[in-house]
Amino acid sequence: MILALVQYAPVWENKEKNIIKINSILNNINFNFDAIIFPEMSLTGFTMNSQKYAETNNDIGFTYFSNLAKKFKKDVFAGIIEDINGTFYNSLIHFNTKGSVVKTYRKIHLFTLAGEDKYYTEGNEIVITQIGNIKIGLTICYDLRFPELYRFYAKEKVDLILNIANWPTKRIEHWNVLLKARAIENQCFIVGVNRVGVDGKSNKYNGCSSVFNPLGNEIVSVEDEEKIIKAEINLSEVEKVRNKFKFLDDIKMI
């Protein structure tokens, strides 16, 4: 399976300019892929202006990523601020090759340090989606600090877990360590897609979008570059590792 990770610097709170920017970046893609993955809040950056930028499923972000999936005939994973009857969620949406929404994950752990809990409502369920027979668990940014969530996915024997993020440079070492740890403890592929650049609050981001295999070995990691990152993963490794090291069977949820 080949993944395309879009590590880019969004224009702060400007969906139209970011669509133009993404299209320009995608014009330079030079490899085949099975799925394309964008960072958290893909078209705005990590804004607390939820009411202004939230969308229903006919608005600009939903329409753009749906059309992108249909254009490439590939699965797309994107971060969108959802408006569900006036309740706002920081969400990760999976669009299939026909542009239809397959699954929606709503961020469970809101980043209280930035006041995210004041402007968004927390999700309350894990979400597993699929591409063919491949089981994929969905998470967003701050979720990465909470291994309990990832244990639920491991118990469901997912093949890989995605984390889309706006994770700042000043805490990037935590990002690197936690991605690796989540892969080791859950014996699956972990894919982290982060942004670069500076947001409207002067937070700096250096990306380090990464993929780790079920043994915690780094497959790819790219720092400080705005680009599409190719990540090729062999999903048969998951079964091999879990059959050889039956650690997941020994979990005791005390």
Protein backbone atom coordinates (compact mmCIF):
# COMPACT_ATOMS: atom_id res chain seq x y z
CA MET A 1 0.00 0.00 0.00
CA ILE A 2 1.32 3.44 -0.93
CA LEU A 3 0.24 6.51 1.01
CA ALA A 4 0.62 10.14 0.01
CA LEU A 5 1.07 12.39 3.07
CA VAL A 6 0.40 16.07 2.36
CA GLN A 7 2.71 18.11 4.59
CA TYR A 8 2.05 21.75 3.83
CA ALA A 9 1.77 25.27 5.31
CA PRO A 10 -1.90 26.32 5.27
CA VAL A 11 -2.79 29.95 4.78
CA TRP A 12 -4.39 30.91 8.08
CA GLU A 13 -8.19 30.63 8.01
CA ASN A 14 -8.43 30.89 4.23
CA LYS A 15 -10.05 27.89 2.61
CA GLU A 16 -10.04 29.28 -0.92
CA LYS A 17 -6.31 30.06 -0.93
CA ASN A 18 -5.52 26.70 0.62
CA ILE A 19 -7.45 24.86 -2.08
CA ILE A 20 -5.39 26.70 -4.70
CA LYS A 21 -2.21 25.84 -2.79
CA ILE A 22 -3.10 22.16 -2.44
CA ASN A 23 -3.96 21.91 -6.13
CA SER A 24 -0.56 23.37 -6.99
CA ILE A 25 1.20 20.87 -4.70
CA LEU A 26 -0.76 17.95 -6.13
CA ASN A 27 0.19 18.96 -9.67
CA ASN A 28 3.75 17.92 -8.78
CA ILE A 29 2.92 14.47 -7.49
CA ASN A 30 5.07 11.95 -9.35
CA PHE A 31 4.08 8.57 -7.93
CA ASN A 32 1.04 6.34 -7.75
CA PHE A 33 -0.72 6.02 -4.42
CA ASP A 34 -3.69 4.32 -2.78
CA ALA A 35 -4.74 7.04 -0.34
CA ILE A 36 -3.91 10.68 0.34
CA ILE A 37 -3.88 12.15 3.85
CA PHE A 38 -4.03 15.80 4.91
CA PRO A 39 -3.25 17.47 8.28
CA GLU A 40 -5.76 18.42 10.98
CA MET A 41 -8.23 21.18 10.03
CA SER A 42 -6.81 20.86 6.53
CA LEU A 43 -8.13 24.10 5.02
CA THR A 44 -7.92 26.50 7.98
CA GLY A 45 -5.14 25.59 10.39
CA PHE A 46 -5.89 24.99 14.07
CA THR A 47 -8.46 27.74 14.49
CA MET A 48 -10.70 28.31 17.49
CA ASN A 49 -13.09 30.25 15.25
CA SER A 50 -15.27 27.17 14.93
CA GLN A 51 -18.59 28.85 14.26
CA LYS A 52 -17.24 30.82 11.31
CA TYR A 53 -15.44 27.93 9.61
CA ALA A 54 -17.66 24.96 10.46
CA GLU A 55 -19.29 23.12 7.57
CA THR A 56 -22.22 20.96 6.69
CA ASN A 57 -21.67 18.27 4.07
CA ASN A 58 -22.46 20.55 1.12
CA ASP A 59 -19.93 23.27 1.97
CA ILE A 60 -16.56 24.08 0.45
CA GLY A 61 -14.30 21.62 2.28
CA PHE A 62 -16.58 18.61 1.94
CA THR A 63 -17.14 19.43 -1.73
CA TYR A 64 -13.45 19.96 -2.46
CA PHE A 65 -12.17 16.76 -0.86
CA SER A 66 -15.04 14.73 -2.32
CA ASN A 67 -14.20 16.00 -5.81
CA LEU A 68 -10.50 15.35 -5.17
CA ALA A 69 -11.23 11.72 -4.31
CA LYS A 70 -13.31 11.34 -7.47
CA LYS A 71 -10.68 13.07 -9.60
CA PHE A 72 -7.82 10.81 -8.48
CA LYS A 73 -10.07 7.79 -7.87
CA LYS A 74 -8.29 7.39 -4.54
CA ASP A 75 -9.30 7.41 -0.89
CA VAL A 76 -8.87 10.78 0.83
CA PHE A 77 -8.53 11.54 4.54
CA ALA A 78 -9.00 15.19 5.49
CA GLY A 79 -9.60 17.35 8.55
CA ILE A 80 -12.82 19.37 8.50
CA ILE A 81 -14.64 21.45 11.12
CA GLU A 82 -18.12 19.94 11.23
CA ASP A 83 -21.36 21.72 12.04
CA ILE A 84 -23.93 19.21 13.27
CA ASN A 85 -27.06 21.21 14.07
CA GLY A 86 -25.01 24.01 15.64
CA THR A 87 -22.59 21.72 17.48
CA PHE A 88 -19.00 21.95 16.24
CA TYR A 89 -16.52 19.10 15.95
CA ASN A 90 -12.87 18.81 14.96
CA SER A 91 -13.28 15.89 12.59
CA LEU A 92 -11.36 13.51 10.36
CA ILE A 93 -13.34 12.47 7.28
CA HIS A 94 -12.67 9.46 5.07
CA PHE A 95 -13.85 9.93 1.47
CA ASN A 96 -13.81 6.87 -0.80
CA THR A 97 -12.84 6.74 -4.46
CA LYS A 98 -16.35 7.81 -5.47
CA GLY A 99 -16.18 10.88 -3.26
CA SER A 100 -18.63 9.56 -0.69
CA VAL A 101 -18.10 9.96 3.05
CA VAL A 102 -17.30 6.51 4.43
CA LYS A 103 -16.58 7.30 8.07
CA THR A 104 -16.24 10.35 10.29
CA TYR A 105 -14.08 10.48 13.42
CA ARG A 106 -14.73 13.33 15.85
CA LYS A 107 -11.76 14.22 18.05
CA ILE A 108 -12.18 12.69 21.50
CA HIS A 109 -9.40 14.50 23.39
CA LEU A 110 -9.73 18.26 23.00
CA PHE A 111 -6.61 20.35 23.64
CA THR A 112 -7.65 22.30 26.73
CA LEU A 113 -4.29 24.11 26.90
CA ALA A 114 -5.35 26.01 23.77
CA GLY A 115 -9.01 26.30 24.82
CA GLU A 116 -10.21 23.86 22.17
CA ASP A 117 -12.80 22.51 24.61
CA LYS A 118 -14.47 25.95 24.70
CA TYR A 119 -15.13 26.03 20.96
CA TYR A 120 -15.61 22.37 20.03
CA THR A 121 -17.52 19.39 21.35
CA GLU A 122 -15.65 16.18 22.06
CA GLY A 123 -16.36 13.00 20.18
CA ASN A 124 -17.27 9.88 22.12
CA GLU A 125 -16.45 6.87 19.98
CA ILE A 126 -13.58 5.18 18.22
CA VAL A 127 -13.94 4.93 14.45
CA ILE A 128 -12.55 2.16 12.29
CA THR A 129 -12.74 2.52 8.54
CA GLN A 130 -11.52 0.28 5.74
CA ILE A 131 -9.83 0.36 2.36
CA GLY A 132 -10.56 -3.08 0.97
CA ASN A 133 -9.66 -5.49 3.77
CA ILE A 134 -7.33 -3.03 5.49
CA LYS A 135 -8.66 -1.86 8.86
CA ILE A 136 -7.73 1.72 9.76
CA GLY A 137 -8.20 3.48 13.11
CA LEU A 138 -8.68 7.25 13.09
CA THR A 139 -7.27 9.81 15.57
CA ILE A 140 -6.44 13.51 15.67
CA CYS A 141 -3.42 15.33 17.14
CA TYR A 142 -3.76 15.53 20.97
CA ASP A 143 -5.31 12.04 20.98
CA LEU A 144 -1.76 10.78 20.55
CA ARG A 145 -1.01 11.47 24.23
CA PHE A 146 -3.69 9.03 25.40
CA PRO A 147 -2.63 5.40 24.86
CA GLU A 148 -5.95 4.09 26.17
CA LEU A 149 -7.64 5.18 22.94
CA TYR A 150 -5.08 3.34 20.83
CA ARG A 151 -5.55 0.19 22.91
CA PHE A 152 -9.18 0.04 21.79
CA TYR A 153 -7.98 0.04 18.18
CA ALA A 154 -5.37 -2.62 18.92
CA LYS A 155 -7.98 -4.88 20.51
CA GLU A 156 -9.95 -4.57 17.26
CA LYS A 157 -6.79 -5.65 15.40
CA VAL A 158 -6.55 -2.67 13.06
CA ASP A 159 -3.72 -2.74 10.53
CA LEU A 160 -2.82 0.92 10.81
CA ILE A 161 -3.79 4.01 12.77
CA LEU A 162 -3.83 7.52 11.33
CA ASN A 163 -3.16 10.68 13.29
CA ILE A 164 -3.62 14.02 11.54
CA ALA A 165 -2.21 16.99 13.43
CA ASN A 166 -1.21 20.59 13.92
CA TRP A 167 1.62 19.70 16.33
CA PRO A 168 3.99 22.63 17.07
CA THR A 169 7.76 22.57 16.79
CA LYS A 170 8.31 23.31 20.49
CA ARG A 171 6.83 19.91 21.40
CA ILE A 172 7.85 17.97 18.29
CA GLU A 173 10.06 15.54 20.22
CA HIS A 174 6.93 14.33 22.02
CA TRP A 175 5.27 13.79 18.63
CA ASN A 176 8.18 11.68 17.40
CA VAL A 177 8.39 9.56 20.56
CA LEU A 178 4.64 9.04 20.90
CA LEU A 179 4.16 7.95 17.29
CA LYS A 180 6.91 5.38 17.71
CA ALA A 181 5.50 4.20 21.04
CA ARG A 182 1.95 3.81 19.67
CA ALA A 183 3.33 1.62 16.87
CA ILE A 184 5.36 -0.60 19.21
CA GLU A 185 2.70 -1.13 21.85
CA ASN A 186 -0.12 -1.79 19.37
CA GLN A 187 1.90 -3.73 16.78
CA CYS A 188 0.54 -1.88 13.79
CA PHE A 189 1.55 0.84 11.37
CA ILE A 190 1.22 4.38 12.70
CA VAL A 191 0.90 7.26 10.23
CA GLY A 192 1.25 10.82 11.50
CA VAL A 193 0.56 13.74 9.14
CA ASN A 194 1.53 17.16 10.48
CA ARG A 195 1.74 20.65 9.00
CA VAL A 196 4.63 23.10 8.53
CA GLY A 197 4.79 26.91 8.60
CA VAL A 198 3.37 29.45 11.05
CA ASP A 199 -0.27 29.88 12.10
CA GLY A 200 -2.23 33.01 12.95
CA LYS A 201 -1.11 32.83 16.59
CA SER A 202 2.60 32.69 15.64
CA ASN A 203 2.94 29.00 16.51
CA LYS A 204 5.66 27.37 14.42
CA TYR A 205 5.39 23.90 12.89
CA ASN A 206 8.13 21.76 11.38
CA GLY A 207 6.11 18.79 10.20
CA CYS A 208 8.02 15.61 10.90
CA SER A 209 5.19 13.70 9.24
CA SER A 210 6.16 10.09 9.81
CA VAL A 211 5.31 6.45 9.38
CA PHE A 212 6.40 3.69 11.78
CA ASN A 213 6.05 -0.04 11.23
CA PRO A 214 4.64 -2.55 13.80
CA LEU A 215 8.08 -2.92 15.42
CA GLY A 216 8.46 0.84 15.79
CA ASN A 217 10.97 1.22 12.97
CA GLU A 218 10.76 4.49 11.09
CA ILE A 219 9.78 4.10 7.44
CA VAL A 220 9.81 7.79 6.60
CA SER A 221 9.98 11.14 8.39
CA VAL A 222 10.25 14.54 6.73
CA GLU A 223 11.09 17.74 8.60
CA ASP A 224 10.49 21.34 7.51
CA GLU A 225 9.56 20.58 3.90
CA GLU A 226 6.30 21.45 2.18
CA LYS A 227 5.76 18.43 -0.01
CA ILE A 228 3.86 15.23 -0.68
CA ILE A 229 5.60 12.39 1.14
CA LYS A 230 5.53 8.91 -0.32
CA ALA A 231 5.17 6.13 2.25
CA GLU A 232 5.11 2.53 1.09
CA ILE A 233 3.96 0.00 3.67
CA ASN A 234 3.77 -3.77 3.61
CA LEU A 235 0.67 -4.63 5.60
CA SER A 236 1.59 -8.30 5.87
CA GLU A 237 4.12 -7.18 8.50
CA VAL A 238 1.29 -6.59 10.96
CA GLU A 239 0.17 -10.22 11.03
CA LYS A 240 3.75 -11.48 11.11
CA VAL A 241 4.68 -9.33 14.09
CA ARG A 242 1.48 -10.15 16.00
CA ASN A 243 1.89 -13.88 15.36
CA LYS A 244 5.52 -13.87 16.48
CA PHE A 245 5.07 -11.59 19.49
CA LYS A 246 1.63 -12.26 20.96
CA PHE A 247 1.76 -9.28 23.30
CA LEU A 248 -1.77 -8.09 22.49
CA ASP A 249 -3.17 -11.40 23.75
CA ASP A 250 -1.60 -10.72 27.14
CA ILE A 251 -3.32 -7.37 27.77
CA LYS A 252 -5.12 -7.18 31.10
CA MET A 253 -7.48 -4.23 31.29
CA ILE A 254 -7.37 -3.78 35.09
